[in-house]
Protein backbone atom coordinates (compact mmCIF):
# COMPACT_ATOMS: atom_id res chain seq x y z
CA MET A 1 133.46 91.18 108.06
CA LYS A 2 135.29 94.60 108.53
CA THR A 3 137.37 93.54 105.48
CA ALA A 4 134.02 93.35 103.45
CA VAL A 5 132.78 96.58 104.37
CA TRP A 6 135.98 98.63 103.58
CA LEU A 7 136.09 96.69 100.39
CA TYR A 8 132.77 97.42 99.41
CA LEU A 9 133.20 101.17 100.12
CA PHE A 10 136.19 101.19 98.00
CA LEU A 11 134.47 99.29 95.09
CA PHE A 12 131.70 101.68 95.22
CA VAL A 13 134.21 104.73 94.80
CA ALA A 14 136.22 102.83 92.18
CA PHE A 15 133.02 101.64 90.29
CA PHE A 16 131.45 104.94 90.41
CA ASP A 17 134.49 106.58 88.97
CA LEU A 18 134.94 104.02 86.31
CA HIS A 19 131.54 104.04 84.97
CA ALA A 20 131.21 107.69 85.12
CA GLN A 21 133.30 107.61 82.04
CA TYR A 22 131.05 105.30 79.86
CA PRO A 23 128.89 107.91 78.20
CA ILE A 24 131.64 110.57 77.81
CA LEU A 25 134.40 108.50 76.34
CA THR A 26 132.95 108.11 72.97
CA PRO A 27 131.68 111.78 72.70
CA PHE A 28 135.37 112.59 73.69
CA ALA A 29 136.81 110.46 71.14
CA ILE A 30 134.45 111.98 68.32
CA SER A 31 135.78 115.39 69.46
CA LEU A 32 139.20 114.21 68.79
CA GLY A 33 138.33 113.33 65.31
CA ALA A 34 137.87 109.45 65.67
CA ALA A 35 135.37 107.45 63.53
CA PRO A 36 132.88 104.94 64.74
CA SER A 37 135.31 102.26 63.55
CA PHE A 38 138.10 103.68 65.24
CA ILE A 39 136.17 103.88 68.64
CA GLY A 40 134.90 100.25 68.28
CA LEU A 41 138.82 99.43 68.05
CA MET A 42 139.50 101.65 70.97
CA MET A 43 137.11 99.78 73.18
CA GLY A 44 138.36 96.41 71.92
CA MET A 45 141.83 97.19 72.61
CA TYR A 46 140.72 98.42 76.23
CA SER A 47 139.21 94.87 76.86
CA ILE A 48 142.01 92.95 75.05
CA THR A 49 144.87 94.32 76.98
CA HIS A 50 142.93 92.95 80.02
CA LEU A 51 144.29 89.39 79.09
CA PRO A 52 148.05 89.87 80.41
CA GLY A 53 146.85 91.57 83.37
CA ASN A 54 144.19 88.74 84.11
CA ILE A 55 146.93 86.10 83.67
CA ILE A 56 149.37 87.74 85.99
CA ALA A 57 146.69 88.29 88.57
CA GLY A 58 145.64 84.75 88.38
CA TYR A 59 148.91 83.50 89.82
CA GLY A 60 149.92 86.64 91.57
CA VAL A 61 146.58 86.84 93.82
CA ASP A 62 146.96 83.26 94.81
CA ARG A 63 150.64 83.58 96.04
CA LEU A 64 150.77 87.15 97.05
CA GLY A 65 147.35 88.05 98.00
CA SER A 66 144.80 90.82 96.84
CA ARG A 67 145.68 93.85 98.65
CA LEU A 68 148.75 94.98 96.61
CA PHE A 69 146.78 94.28 93.21
CA ILE A 70 143.94 96.31 94.21
CA VAL A 71 145.90 99.07 95.41
CA PHE A 72 148.23 99.14 92.09
CA SER A 73 144.94 98.85 89.95
CA LEU A 74 143.44 101.80 91.42
CA MET A 75 146.54 103.89 91.65
CA GLY A 76 147.59 103.04 87.98
CA ALA A 77 144.00 103.81 86.60
CA GLY A 78 144.02 107.14 88.26
CA ILE A 79 147.37 108.32 86.91
CA ILE A 80 146.33 107.36 83.66
CA LEU A 81 143.25 109.43 83.87
CA LEU A 82 145.40 112.31 84.63
CA PHE A 83 147.20 111.85 81.26
CA GLN A 84 144.02 111.20 79.56
CA SER A 85 142.90 114.67 80.42
CA GLN A 86 145.70 116.21 78.26
CA VAL A 87 145.20 114.31 75.08
CA THR A 88 144.83 115.89 71.79
CA ASP A 89 144.83 112.96 69.16
CA PRO A 90 142.91 109.70 68.91
CA TRP A 91 145.90 107.64 68.72
CA GLN A 92 147.02 109.19 72.27
CA LEU A 93 143.70 108.20 73.70
CA LEU A 94 143.95 104.64 72.06
CA LEU A 95 147.45 103.98 73.82
CA LEU A 96 146.11 105.42 77.15
CA ARG A 97 143.01 103.24 77.06
CA SER A 98 145.07 100.10 76.19
CA ILE A 99 147.41 100.80 79.11
CA SER A 100 144.42 101.42 81.41
CA GLY A 101 142.83 98.27 80.35
CA PHE A 102 145.97 96.24 81.57
CA VAL A 103 146.26 98.29 84.71
CA LEU A 104 142.56 97.63 85.63
CA ALA A 105 142.68 93.88 84.93
CA PHE A 106 144.05 93.36 88.33
CA LEU A 107 141.10 94.90 90.03
CA SER A 108 138.20 92.18 89.61
CA PRO A 109 139.93 88.96 90.22
CA ALA A 110 141.70 90.28 93.26
CA CYS A 111 138.38 91.69 94.81
CA LEU A 112 136.38 88.68 94.09
CA ALA A 113 139.16 86.48 95.42
CA LEU A 114 139.29 88.31 98.58
CA LEU A 115 135.44 88.40 98.98
CA ALA A 116 135.51 84.39 98.41
CA LYS A 117 138.18 83.99 101.25
CA LEU A 118 136.19 85.54 103.79
CA THR A 119 134.05 82.73 104.54
CA THR A 120 133.72 79.05 103.52
CA ASN A 121 130.15 78.81 104.11
CA ARG A 122 128.40 78.76 100.64
CA ALA A 123 125.32 80.68 101.69
CA GLU A 124 127.57 83.53 103.10
CA GLN A 125 129.69 83.42 100.05
CA SER A 126 126.54 83.76 97.89
CA LYS A 127 125.65 86.77 99.78
CA LEU A 128 129.19 88.23 99.50
CA MET A 129 128.85 87.92 95.76
CA ALA A 130 125.43 89.39 95.65
CA GLY A 131 126.84 92.26 97.80
CA ASN A 132 129.59 92.86 95.27
CA GLY A 133 127.05 93.01 92.36
CA PHE A 134 124.74 95.26 94.64
CA VAL A 135 127.53 97.78 95.31
CA HIS A 136 128.71 97.65 91.70
CA THR A 137 125.19 98.35 90.39
CA LEU A 138 124.62 100.91 93.15
CA ALA A 139 127.61 103.03 91.83
CA THR A 140 126.62 102.71 88.18
CA VAL A 141 123.13 103.82 88.86
CA VAL A 142 124.09 107.57 89.17
CA SER A 143 127.65 107.54 87.87
CA PRO A 144 126.80 107.46 84.10
CA ALA A 145 124.52 110.63 84.42
CA ALA A 146 126.98 112.31 86.91
CA GLY A 147 129.85 111.93 84.30
CA ALA A 148 127.87 113.26 81.80
CA TYR A 149 126.84 116.08 83.93
CA MET A 150 130.19 116.88 84.97
CA VAL A 151 131.42 117.08 81.43
CA ALA A 152 128.59 119.41 80.29
CA LYS A 153 129.44 121.76 83.24
CA ILE A 154 133.29 121.63 83.50
CA GLY A 155 134.31 119.96 80.27
CA PHE A 156 136.23 116.73 79.42
CA THR A 157 139.80 117.76 80.49
CA THR A 158 138.66 118.91 83.94
CA ALA A 159 136.26 115.91 84.48
CA PHE A 160 139.11 113.36 83.71
CA TYR A 161 141.55 115.05 85.83
CA MET A 162 138.90 115.07 89.01
CA LEU A 163 138.05 111.36 88.09
CA GLY A 164 141.76 110.54 88.26
CA TRP A 165 142.46 112.01 91.44
CA VAL A 166 139.40 110.17 93.12
CA LEU A 167 141.10 106.95 92.11
CA ILE A 168 144.35 107.78 93.41
CA VAL A 169 143.05 108.94 96.89
CA THR A 170 141.05 105.72 96.94
CA SER A 171 144.06 103.75 96.21
CA ILE A 172 145.71 105.22 99.20
CA CYS A 173 142.82 104.40 101.58
CA ALA A 174 142.68 100.74 100.11
CA LEU A 175 146.37 100.52 101.16
CA ILE A 176 145.84 101.66 104.62
CA PHE A 177 142.46 99.76 105.38
CA ILE A 178 142.26 96.36 103.37
CA LYS A 179 143.98 93.36 104.98
CA ASP A 180 144.84 90.26 103.03
CA ILE A 181 143.04 87.01 104.15
CA LYS A 182 144.16 83.30 103.56
CA ALA A 183 141.43 81.03 102.16
CA ALA A 184 140.49 78.21 104.57
CA ALA A 185 141.39 75.60 101.89
CA GLU A 186 144.87 76.86 102.09
CA GLU A 187 144.86 76.66 105.89
CA LEU A 188 143.86 73.19 106.19
CA PRO A 189 146.49 70.58 106.21
CA PRO A 190 145.98 67.16 104.68
CA GLU A 191 146.27 65.23 107.87
CA ASN A 192 146.01 61.75 106.33
CA SER A 193 145.50 59.92 102.93
CA LYS A 194 141.80 60.49 102.94
CA SER A 195 142.10 64.30 103.63
CA LYS A 196 144.72 64.34 100.55
CA ILE A 197 141.96 62.76 98.43
CA VAL A 198 139.55 65.38 99.32
CA THR A 199 142.18 68.05 98.62
CA ARG A 200 142.64 66.87 95.07
CA ILE A 201 139.11 66.78 94.35
CA GLU A 202 138.85 70.39 95.61
CA ALA A 203 141.31 71.49 92.96
CA ALA A 204 139.61 69.98 90.02
CA PRO A 205 139.73 72.01 87.17
CA ILE A 206 136.62 73.76 85.81
CA PRO A 207 135.38 72.73 82.34
CA TRP A 208 136.58 75.26 80.07
CA LEU A 209 133.37 75.62 77.86
CA VAL A 210 131.50 77.08 80.93
CA PHE A 211 133.31 80.17 80.48
CA ILE A 212 131.50 80.57 77.20
CA LEU A 213 128.75 82.21 79.05
CA PRO A 214 130.72 84.99 80.64
CA ILE A 215 132.14 85.74 77.28
CA ALA A 216 128.81 85.97 75.82
CA THR A 217 127.30 88.13 78.64
CA SER A 218 130.22 90.64 78.31
CA CYS A 219 130.06 90.67 74.58
CA ALA A 220 126.55 91.65 74.95
CA GLN A 221 127.33 94.24 77.43
CA GLY A 222 130.40 95.77 75.26
CA ILE A 223 127.77 96.14 72.47
CA LEU A 224 125.33 98.12 74.49
CA SER A 225 128.32 100.01 75.85
CA PHE A 226 129.49 100.87 72.23
CA GLU A 227 125.91 101.69 70.81
CA LEU A 228 124.33 103.74 73.50
CA PRO A 229 126.94 106.48 73.32
CA LEU A 230 126.76 106.67 69.66
CA MET A 231 123.23 108.25 70.17
CA ALA A 232 124.74 111.31 71.71
CA SER A 233 126.03 114.05 69.48
CA THR A 234 125.50 117.08 71.83
CA LYS A 235 125.67 117.68 75.48
CA GLU A 236 122.13 117.12 75.86
CA GLY A 237 122.44 113.68 74.12
CA MET A 238 125.25 112.91 76.79
CA MET A 239 123.01 113.44 79.40
CA THR A 240 120.33 111.08 77.66
CA THR A 241 122.84 108.57 77.24
CA GLY A 242 123.93 108.74 80.76
CA LEU A 243 120.28 108.48 82.06
CA LEU A 244 119.99 105.22 79.89
CA PHE A 245 122.98 103.73 81.35
CA SER A 246 121.59 104.50 84.75
CA VAL A 247 118.33 102.72 83.66
CA VAL A 248 120.10 99.52 82.99
CA SER A 249 121.79 99.83 86.50
CA VAL A 250 118.43 100.42 88.29
CA GLY A 251 117.16 97.55 86.52
CA ALA A 252 120.11 95.22 87.96
CA LEU A 253 119.61 96.96 91.30
CA ILE A 254 115.84 95.58 91.30
CA THR A 255 116.79 91.95 90.97
CA LEU A 256 120.05 92.29 93.22
CA SER A 257 117.73 93.24 95.99
CA MET A 258 115.67 90.23 95.79
CA LEU A 259 117.71 88.31 98.26
CA PHE A 260 115.29 85.26 98.09
CA LEU A 261 117.01 84.77 94.60
CA ASN A 262 120.26 83.72 96.32
CA ARG A 263 118.61 80.68 97.70
CA ILE A 264 118.13 79.49 93.99
CA PRO A 265 121.13 77.26 92.96
CA ALA A 266 123.68 79.53 91.07
CA PHE A 267 123.34 77.12 87.88
CA HIS A 268 119.73 77.78 87.66
CA ARG A 269 120.10 81.69 88.03
CA THR A 270 122.73 81.49 85.61
CA LEU A 271 121.03 79.58 82.91
CA TRP A 272 117.29 81.18 83.06
CA GLY A 273 118.98 84.76 83.50
CA SER A 274 121.16 84.34 80.38
CA LEU A 275 118.17 83.10 78.57
CA ILE A 276 115.82 86.03 79.55
CA LEU A 277 118.73 88.48 78.73
CA ALA A 278 119.00 86.86 75.12
CA LEU A 279 115.37 87.39 74.51
CA ILE A 280 115.33 90.86 75.59
CA TYR A 281 118.23 91.60 73.14
CA PHE A 282 116.29 89.95 70.34
CA LEU A 283 113.14 92.16 71.13
CA ILE A 284 115.52 95.34 71.06
CA ALA A 285 116.98 94.16 67.47
CA ALA A 286 113.79 93.34 65.94
CA GLY A 287 112.48 96.82 66.96
CA THR A 288 109.71 95.65 69.24
CA PRO A 289 107.29 98.57 69.75
CA LEU A 290 108.01 98.94 73.42
CA PRO A 291 109.69 101.97 75.13
CA PHE A 292 113.44 101.67 74.72
CA ALA A 293 114.24 102.58 78.33
CA LEU A 294 111.67 99.98 79.38
CA MET A 295 113.60 97.23 77.57
CA LEU A 296 116.91 98.47 78.97
CA LEU A 297 115.45 98.44 82.36
CA PHE A 298 114.75 94.47 81.63
CA VAL A 299 118.39 94.06 80.37
CA GLY A 300 119.30 95.49 83.63
CA MET A 301 117.20 92.97 85.54
CA GLY A 302 118.53 89.95 83.54
CA LYS A 303 122.13 91.29 84.39
CA GLY A 304 121.25 91.43 88.12
CA ILE A 305 120.33 87.60 88.18
CA ILE A 306 123.68 86.77 86.37
CA ILE A 307 126.05 89.06 88.01
CA PRO A 308 126.28 87.17 91.38
CA ALA A 309 125.32 83.78 89.92
CA ILE A 310 128.40 83.28 87.48
CA PRO A 311 131.08 83.81 90.23
CA MET A 312 128.95 81.59 92.58
CA LEU A 313 128.80 79.00 90.18
CA LEU A 314 132.54 78.97 89.64
CA ILE A 315 133.12 78.65 93.48
CA GLU A 316 130.97 75.63 93.34
CA LEU A 317 132.83 74.10 90.39
CA SER A 318 136.26 74.86 91.81
CA GLY A 319 135.21 73.56 95.36
CA GLY A 320 136.78 76.50 97.15
CA ALA A 321 140.43 76.15 95.88
CA ARG A 322 142.66 78.47 93.83
CA TYR A 323 140.26 81.50 94.01
CA GLY A 324 142.91 83.92 92.06
CA ARG A 325 143.20 81.64 89.12
CA THR A 326 139.45 80.76 89.02
CA PHE A 327 138.42 84.48 89.13
CA SER A 328 141.40 85.33 86.82
CA VAL A 329 139.90 83.11 84.00
CA LEU A 330 136.45 84.58 84.52
CA ALA A 331 138.02 87.93 84.18
CA ILE A 332 139.90 86.69 81.00
CA ALA A 333 136.54 85.50 79.75
CA TYR A 334 135.08 88.88 80.37
CA SER A 335 138.00 90.72 78.60
CA ILE A 336 137.47 88.62 75.48
CA GLY A 337 133.68 89.14 75.19
CA ALA A 338 134.27 93.07 75.66
CA PHE A 339 136.84 92.97 73.06
CA ILE A 340 134.74 90.77 70.55
CA GLY A 341 131.59 92.80 71.17
CA PRO A 342 132.39 96.42 70.35
CA MET A 343 134.80 95.24 67.40
CA LEU A 344 131.98 93.34 65.87
CA ALA A 345 129.39 96.14 66.24
CA GLY A 346 131.74 98.66 64.82
CA GLN A 347 132.43 96.57 61.85
CA LEU A 348 128.64 95.28 61.26
CA ARG A 349 126.20 97.67 62.50
CA ASP A 350 125.89 98.98 58.65
CA TYR A 351 124.60 95.47 57.82
CA LEU A 352 122.51 94.41 60.92
CA SER A 353 121.85 95.45 64.21
CA PRO A 354 124.62 94.53 66.81
CA TYR A 355 121.80 93.60 69.05
CA TYR A 356 121.35 90.47 67.05
CA ILE A 357 124.89 89.59 67.68
CA ALA A 358 124.33 90.06 71.39
CA PHE A 359 121.22 87.61 71.04
CA LEU A 360 123.16 84.93 69.00
CA ALA A 361 126.07 84.91 71.69
CA LEU A 362 123.88 84.51 74.70
CA MET A 363 121.67 81.77 72.94
CA ILE A 364 124.77 79.86 72.12
CA ALA A 365 126.22 79.81 75.50
CA VAL A 366 122.81 79.07 77.07
CA MET A 367 122.50 75.94 74.82
CA VAL A 368 126.15 74.83 75.68
CA LEU A 369 126.20 75.62 79.53
CA PRO A 370 124.00 72.51 80.70
CA PHE A 371 126.20 70.08 79.10
CA HIS A 372 129.41 71.02 81.02
CA THR A 373 128.03 71.53 84.60
CA ARG A 374 126.53 68.21 85.40
CA ARG A 375 129.02 67.05 87.92
CA PRO A 376 127.92 67.32 91.38
CA TYR A 377 128.94 70.49 93.34
CA THR A 378 128.13 69.61 96.81
CA SER A 379 130.67 66.99 97.26
CA ARG A 380 133.28 69.91 96.82
CA THR A 381 131.84 72.10 99.56
CA HIS A 382 132.84 70.39 102.56
CA PHE A 383 136.14 69.19 103.84
CA SER A 384 136.85 65.81 105.37
CA GLN A 385 137.45 65.91 109.08
CA ASN A 386 138.66 62.36 109.52
């Protein structure tokens, strides 16, 4: 599991670096003269340019492995941040964020595929996916506040410059220390006709409507990421926004630390976690008289249930085959949701609370999910030995 340790370390640095930008990108765009609708477009373009990268990663990771894609993604994102530190116009920022969206599209499918290949044991895979969510969340606990603090002390230009070099150095370390691993499903030869039948079952396609849920969760997260930074108009406001992002991450960290949750079937964790998250967004939209920070903590706790459950559900449905393409489609779903969320929030926030949109998206996904995951999973989790 040495590969997992190195991967977690690099993921921590990468996620810390990327999420440190969350509370500062919107104020930076505003300082360049961008309007809220333009910021929504920028966030949407960042997400939609994920799509070609996700598609390429789906086939590339299965054929070429994860290592080169991880290195390319981190290196490219770091170089773009160096250019971003010098922009003087909102349209320049839009162009660089669009390119960054394409480059970073390779990171998630490559990392998830590599983690899934480390073992064929479903319990161990569930722990690895939970570990990925834990590392991701741990990095985001302090990174938003750290990013806001950096800007308050050294300004936008120096902050982006430093974050860019951190990613470049991380990519070089990843090139040296990460090794590719072949999936057990790829290494097992079909010895007779019965094993061939099992192989065909393993490669059975995942129902497309299952991906409505990651679209909805990403849409809701995109809306939250759009709305929170708009609360900041001063350096003190950026610090507050960074702390609110950290509160969400702390909530996710709480449920990710509850290791007993990994014993619950992935389908049930996904379904009930999404339902809880939808209800919390409804409470926020309805103006429930509860502290906003407390409701954000609950949002994070709901995310902490869903984050490792969705990849594990897809592993079970795919039967342990074609990890690259499976997680590529997952990344595409996340990208679509992250595009739709900020775009709708930017256009409709003057007419209704964007958090209502998050609630509706999640509730639709919750209602659809049970009708498309009824086929048994356990028959796909073992290979024939006859």
